[in-house]
Amino acid sequence: MYYKIERTYLTDADGDSHCRVDAKPHLVPATSAPAAAAAFIAGEQATLLGGASGLPGDKATATGSSGRGVFVIFIERAAEAIRDVRPERRPSL
C-alpha cells in the first residue's frame, strides 16, 4: 500500500518561525500510516520528534527535525488514487 505524505516546515534551519509547504506530496510504500511516517523520516535523514500519532481511517501525523528545520507531516492512504490510473483498472468503453 502507498501513503501520501504532505510536509509543512514550521521553522527554518536557524530555528526562526517559517511556514513552508513542499510543492508536491510524497508517496511512500508501507503497511500502515505510522510505518509510512517512520519510513519517510528515515528516508529524509531526519529525526522523529516523539512518535507518529495514528488517526482514524489509517491516517497519522508526526513531527520531525532535519538540517532544514522542524516540520510536521500528515499521512493518509494514497493507493486508491494510484490504482485508479493504471490502464488495467480503467473501465472498458
Protein backbone atom coordinates (compact mmCIF):
# COMPACT_ATOMS: atom_id res chain seq x y z
CA MET A 1 0.00 0.00 0.00
CA TYR A 2 1.17 3.54 -0.71
CA TYR A 3 0.71 6.52 1.57
CA LYS A 4 0.64 10.18 0.60
CA ILE A 5 2.69 12.45 2.84
CA GLU A 6 2.31 16.22 2.95
CA ARG A 7 5.04 18.14 4.77
CA THR A 8 4.93 21.65 6.25
CA TYR A 9 8.05 23.24 7.71
CA LEU A 10 7.42 25.23 10.90
CA THR A 11 10.93 26.65 11.29
CA ASP A 12 13.92 27.24 9.07
CA ALA A 13 17.43 25.87 9.70
CA ASP A 14 18.16 28.72 12.14
CA GLY A 15 15.06 27.94 14.23
CA ASP A 16 13.17 31.03 13.12
CA SER A 17 9.42 30.66 12.61
CA HIS A 18 8.82 29.89 8.97
CA CYS A 19 5.85 28.21 7.31
CA ARG A 20 6.76 26.46 4.06
CA VAL A 21 4.88 23.60 2.39
CA ASP A 22 6.51 21.13 -0.01
CA ALA A 23 5.38 21.79 -3.60
CA LYS A 24 4.27 18.18 -4.15
CA PRO A 25 3.20 15.37 -1.81
CA HIS A 26 5.50 12.40 -1.27
CA LEU A 27 4.45 8.76 -1.85
CA VAL A 28 5.82 6.08 0.48
CA PRO A 29 5.16 2.32 0.43
CA ALA A 30 4.32 0.98 3.91
CA THR A 31 1.98 -1.31 5.84
CA SER A 32 0.38 1.48 7.92
CA ALA A 33 0.31 5.26 8.23
CA PRO A 34 2.67 5.28 11.26
CA ALA A 35 5.07 2.97 9.38
CA ALA A 36 4.95 5.37 6.40
CA ALA A 37 5.84 8.25 8.74
CA ALA A 38 8.85 6.34 10.08
CA ALA A 39 9.99 5.38 6.56
CA PHE A 40 9.66 8.95 5.31
CA ILE A 41 11.58 10.38 8.28
CA ALA A 42 14.36 7.80 7.78
CA GLY A 43 14.48 8.47 4.04
CA GLU A 44 14.85 12.19 4.66
CA GLN A 45 17.68 11.52 7.16
CA ALA A 46 15.62 13.42 9.72
CA THR A 47 14.81 12.77 13.37
CA LEU A 48 11.32 11.81 14.53
CA LEU A 49 10.33 14.05 17.45
CA GLY A 50 8.13 11.90 19.65
CA GLY A 51 6.10 9.27 17.83
CA ALA A 52 3.64 9.17 14.98
CA SER A 53 0.08 9.83 16.14
CA GLY A 54 -2.41 7.49 14.49
CA LEU A 55 -5.76 8.90 13.42
CA PRO A 56 -8.99 7.14 12.41
CA GLY A 57 -9.10 5.96 8.80
CA ASP A 58 -5.45 4.78 8.63
CA LYS A 59 -4.05 8.32 8.85
CA ALA A 60 -1.30 9.77 11.03
CA THR A 61 0.64 12.90 11.90
CA ALA A 62 4.23 13.24 13.04
CA THR A 63 6.80 15.91 13.78
CA GLY A 64 10.37 15.74 12.53
CA SER A 65 13.57 17.74 12.51
CA SER A 66 16.28 17.96 9.87
CA GLY A 67 19.03 20.35 8.88
CA ARG A 68 16.36 22.39 7.09
CA GLY A 69 14.20 22.93 10.20
CA VAL A 70 11.31 21.44 12.14
CA PHE A 71 8.35 20.07 10.16
CA VAL A 72 5.05 18.29 10.58
CA ILE A 73 3.76 15.63 8.22
CA PHE A 74 0.25 14.38 7.53
CA ILE A 75 -0.04 10.83 6.22
CA GLU A 76 -3.02 9.17 4.51
CA ARG A 77 -3.62 6.27 2.13
CA ALA A 78 -2.86 7.01 -1.50
CA ALA A 79 -3.26 3.53 -3.02
CA GLU A 80 -6.78 4.16 -4.28
CA ALA A 81 -5.63 7.13 -6.35
CA ILE A 82 -2.65 5.24 -7.73
CA ARG A 83 -4.73 2.17 -8.56
CA ASP A 84 -7.29 4.26 -10.46
CA VAL A 85 -4.74 5.50 -13.02
CA ARG A 86 -3.40 2.09 -14.02
CA PRO A 87 -4.57 1.09 -17.52
CA GLU A 88 -5.67 -2.38 -16.43
CA ARG A 89 -8.07 -0.80 -13.89
CA ARG A 90 -9.82 1.51 -16.32
CA PRO A 91 -13.36 0.54 -17.31
CA SER A 92 -13.94 -0.60 -20.88
CA LEU A 93 -15.58 1.90 -23.20
